[in-house]
């Protein structure tokens, strides 16, 4: 509970900085798609790295999970692919929601407030 509060507090403190990451390119003439690509590439790279490391770790530890899995082989590529796709889809949705929210802000208003 306290970690959630602390994370939210840190995020609120970084909100003006995030808006400047969005507003500065828009004020300089960048298109929405360019800013979307700029801001969504880093979180999606981290999510991809997490999926790769998680899948590698699971395949390394797969024999230990044999007794817990029910009628699914430990190294089932369809199950692992589905789980990886689900994690990446959720990371992409969360990133896009945050960036689209920031793109709806008028650059002139934010620059005037800063």
C-alpha atoms as a PDB file:
ATOM      1  CA  UNK A   1       0.000   0.000   0.000  1.00  0.00           C
ATOM      2  CA  UNK A   2       2.741   2.443   0.956  1.00  0.00           C
ATOM      3  CA  UNK A   3       4.736   1.498  -2.150  1.00  0.00           C
ATOM      4  CA  UNK A   4       1.752   2.377  -4.342  1.00  0.00           C
ATOM      5  CA  UNK A   5       1.482   5.746  -2.658  1.00  0.00           C
ATOM      6  CA  UNK A   6       5.207   6.356  -3.049  1.00  0.00           C
ATOM      7  CA  UNK A   7       5.109   5.355  -6.710  1.00  0.00           C
ATOM      8  CA  UNK A   8       2.145   7.659  -7.342  1.00  0.00           C
ATOM      9  CA  UNK A   9       3.900  10.507  -5.588  1.00  0.00           C
ATOM     10  CA  UNK A  10       7.018  10.039  -7.721  1.00  0.00           C
ATOM     11  CA  UNK A  11       4.928   9.901 -10.857  1.00  0.00           C
ATOM     12  CA  UNK A  12       3.081  13.121  -9.968  1.00  0.00           C
ATOM     13  CA  UNK A  13       6.404  14.855  -9.321  1.00  0.00           C
ATOM     14  CA  UNK A  14       7.623  13.773 -12.762  1.00  0.00           C
ATOM     15  CA  UNK A  15       4.434  14.864 -14.541  1.00  0.00           C
ATOM     16  CA  UNK A  16       5.757  18.319 -15.559  1.00  0.00           C
ATOM     17  CA  UNK A  17       8.901  16.694 -16.918  1.00  0.00           C
ATOM     18  CA  UNK A  18       6.816  14.180 -18.865  1.00  0.00           C
ATOM     19  CA  UNK A  19       4.694  16.967 -20.273  1.00  0.00           C
ATOM     20  CA  UNK A  20       7.841  18.745 -21.431  1.00  0.00           C
ATOM     21  CA  UNK A  21       8.943  15.572 -23.224  1.00  0.00           C
ATOM     22  CA  UNK A  22       5.645  15.713 -25.072  1.00  0.00           C
ATOM     23  CA  UNK A  23       5.201  19.455 -25.438  1.00  0.00           C
ATOM     24  CA  UNK A  24       8.688  20.431 -26.577  1.00  0.00           C
ATOM     25  CA  UNK A  25       8.670  18.295 -29.734  1.00  0.00           C
ATOM     26  CA  UNK A  26       5.075  19.306 -30.488  1.00  0.00           C
ATOM     27  CA  UNK A  27       5.932  22.983 -30.072  1.00  0.00           C
ATOM     28  CA  UNK A  28       8.879  22.520 -32.426  1.00  0.00           C
ATOM     29  CA  UNK A  29       6.636  21.030 -35.113  1.00  0.00           C
ATOM     30  CA  UNK A  30       6.729  17.275 -34.531  1.00  0.00           C
ATOM     31  CA  UNK A  31       3.670  15.254 -35.460  1.00  0.00           C
ATOM     32  CA  UNK A  32       1.675  13.264 -32.893  1.00  0.00           C
ATOM     33  CA  UNK A  33       2.927   9.989 -34.392  1.00  0.00           C
ATOM     34  CA  UNK A  34       6.551  11.029 -33.921  1.00  0.00           C
ATOM     35  CA  UNK A  35       5.990  11.867 -30.266  1.00  0.00           C
ATOM     36  CA  UNK A  36       4.025   8.649 -29.766  1.00  0.00           C
ATOM     37  CA  UNK A  37       6.907   6.646 -31.224  1.00  0.00           C
ATOM     38  CA  UNK A  38       9.455   8.588 -29.173  1.00  0.00           C
ATOM     39  CA  UNK A  39       7.713   8.037 -25.841  1.00  0.00           C
ATOM     40  CA  UNK A  40       6.471   4.484 -26.354  1.00  0.00           C
ATOM     41  CA  UNK A  41       9.707   2.943 -27.612  1.00  0.00           C
ATOM     42  CA  UNK A  42      11.535   2.862 -24.263  1.00  0.00           C
ATOM     43  CA  UNK A  43       8.802   1.222 -22.137  1.00  0.00           C
ATOM     44  CA  UNK A  44       8.148  -1.346 -24.847  1.00  0.00           C
ATOM     45  CA  UNK A  45      11.857  -2.169 -25.035  1.00  0.00           C
ATOM     46  CA  UNK A  46      11.870  -2.756 -21.269  1.00  0.00           C
ATOM     47  CA  UNK A  47       8.777  -4.952 -21.536  1.00  0.00           C
ATOM     48  CA  UNK A  48      10.361  -6.943 -24.371  1.00  0.00           C
ATOM     49  CA  UNK A  49      13.538  -7.389 -22.358  1.00  0.00           C
ATOM     50  CA  UNK A  50      11.472  -8.580 -19.388  1.00  0.00           C
ATOM     51  CA  UNK A  51       9.607 -11.090 -21.552  1.00  0.00           C
ATOM     52  CA  UNK A  52      12.860 -12.417 -23.008  1.00  0.00           C
ATOM     53  CA  UNK A  53      14.525 -12.733 -19.590  1.00  0.00           C
ATOM     54  CA  UNK A  54      11.406 -14.276 -18.075  1.00  0.00           C
ATOM     55  CA  UNK A  55      11.021 -16.832 -20.852  1.00  0.00           C
ATOM     56  CA  UNK A  56      14.706 -17.714 -20.655  1.00  0.00           C
ATOM     57  CA  UNK A  57      14.501 -18.147 -16.901  1.00  0.00           C
ATOM     58  CA  UNK A  58      11.357 -20.234 -17.161  1.00  0.00           C
ATOM     59  CA  UNK A  59      12.849 -22.521 -19.789  1.00  0.00           C
ATOM     60  CA  UNK A  60      15.929 -22.941 -17.577  1.00  0.00           C
ATOM     61  CA  UNK A  61      13.776 -23.816 -14.559  1.00  0.00           C
ATOM     62  CA  UNK A  62      11.129 -25.778 -16.506  1.00  0.00           C
ATOM     63  CA  UNK A  63      12.037 -29.215 -15.095  1.00  0.00           C
ATOM     64  CA  UNK A  64      11.314 -27.935 -11.577  1.00  0.00           C
ATOM     65  CA  UNK A  65       7.767 -26.933 -12.619  1.00  0.00           C
ATOM     66  CA  UNK A  66       6.881 -30.326 -14.100  1.00  0.00           C
ATOM     67  CA  UNK A  67       4.986 -31.446 -10.989  1.00  0.00           C
ATOM     68  CA  UNK A  68       2.879 -28.253 -10.787  1.00  0.00           C
ATOM     69  CA  UNK A  69       1.719 -28.073 -14.392  1.00  0.00           C
ATOM     70  CA  UNK A  70      -1.402 -29.991 -15.300  1.00  0.00           C
ATOM     71  CA  UNK A  71      -1.437 -31.600 -18.757  1.00  0.00           C
ATOM     72  CA  UNK A  72       0.909 -28.964 -20.172  1.00  0.00           C
ATOM     73  CA  UNK A  73       4.549 -29.715 -20.915  1.00  0.00           C
ATOM     74  CA  UNK A  74       6.937 -27.333 -19.140  1.00  0.00           C
ATOM     75  CA  UNK A  75       8.451 -26.037 -22.385  1.00  0.00           C
ATOM     76  CA  UNK A  76       5.183 -25.575 -24.328  1.00  0.00           C
ATOM     77  CA  UNK A  77       5.878 -22.892 -26.958  1.00  0.00           C
ATOM     78  CA  UNK A  78       2.195 -22.036 -27.497  1.00  0.00           C
ATOM     79  CA  UNK A  79       1.625 -21.310 -23.815  1.00  0.00           C
ATOM     80  CA  UNK A  80       4.829 -19.298 -23.503  1.00  0.00           C
ATOM     81  CA  UNK A  81       4.089 -17.385 -26.698  1.00  0.00           C
ATOM     82  CA  UNK A  82       0.574 -16.582 -25.503  1.00  0.00           C
ATOM     83  CA  UNK A  83       1.830 -15.382 -22.125  1.00  0.00           C
ATOM     84  CA  UNK A  84       4.529 -13.253 -23.761  1.00  0.00           C
ATOM     85  CA  UNK A  85       2.011 -11.751 -26.186  1.00  0.00           C
ATOM     86  CA  UNK A  86      -0.360 -10.967 -23.315  1.00  0.00           C
ATOM     87  CA  UNK A  87       2.342  -9.223 -21.282  1.00  0.00           C
ATOM     88  CA  UNK A  88       3.475  -7.180 -24.294  1.00  0.00           C
ATOM     89  CA  UNK A  89      -0.118  -6.253 -25.173  1.00  0.00           C
ATOM     90  CA  UNK A  90      -0.771  -5.010 -21.628  1.00  0.00           C
ATOM     91  CA  UNK A  91       2.488  -3.023 -21.620  1.00  0.00           C
ATOM     92  CA  UNK A  92       1.611  -1.504 -24.988  1.00  0.00           C
ATOM     93  CA  UNK A  93      -1.904  -0.575 -23.861  1.00  0.00           C
ATOM     94  CA  UNK A  94      -0.632   1.049 -20.668  1.00  0.00           C
ATOM     95  CA  UNK A  95       2.004   3.004 -22.585  1.00  0.00           C
ATOM     96  CA  UNK A  96      -0.432   4.176 -25.238  1.00  0.00           C
ATOM     97  CA  UNK A  97      -2.998   5.338 -22.680  1.00  0.00           C
ATOM     98  CA  UNK A  98      -0.381   7.459 -20.902  1.00  0.00           C
ATOM     99  CA  UNK A  99       1.053   8.942 -24.091  1.00  0.00           C
ATOM    100  CA  UNK A 100      -2.345   9.663 -25.655  1.00  0.00           C
ATOM    101  CA  UNK A 101      -3.372  11.436 -22.472  1.00  0.00           C
ATOM    102  CA  UNK A 102      -0.283  13.604 -22.695  1.00  0.00           C
ATOM    103  CA  UNK A 103      -0.842  14.291 -26.396  1.00  0.00           C
ATOM    104  CA  UNK A 104      -4.280  15.780 -25.699  1.00  0.00           C
ATOM    105  CA  UNK A 105      -2.717  18.684 -23.803  1.00  0.00           C
ATOM    106  CA  UNK A 106      -2.389  21.984 -25.641  1.00  0.00           C
ATOM    107  CA  UNK A 107       1.332  22.882 -25.950  1.00  0.00           C
ATOM    108  CA  UNK A 108       0.733  26.613 -25.539  1.00  0.00           C
ATOM    109  CA  UNK A 109      -1.101  26.163 -22.239  1.00  0.00           C
ATOM    110  CA  UNK A 110       1.605  23.933 -20.763  1.00  0.00           C
ATOM    111  CA  UNK A 111       4.464  26.168 -21.887  1.00  0.00           C
ATOM    112  CA  UNK A 112       2.674  29.206 -20.467  1.00  0.00           C
ATOM    113  CA  UNK A 113       2.181  27.417 -17.117  1.00  0.00           C
ATOM    114  CA  UNK A 114       5.809  26.274 -16.921  1.00  0.00           C
END
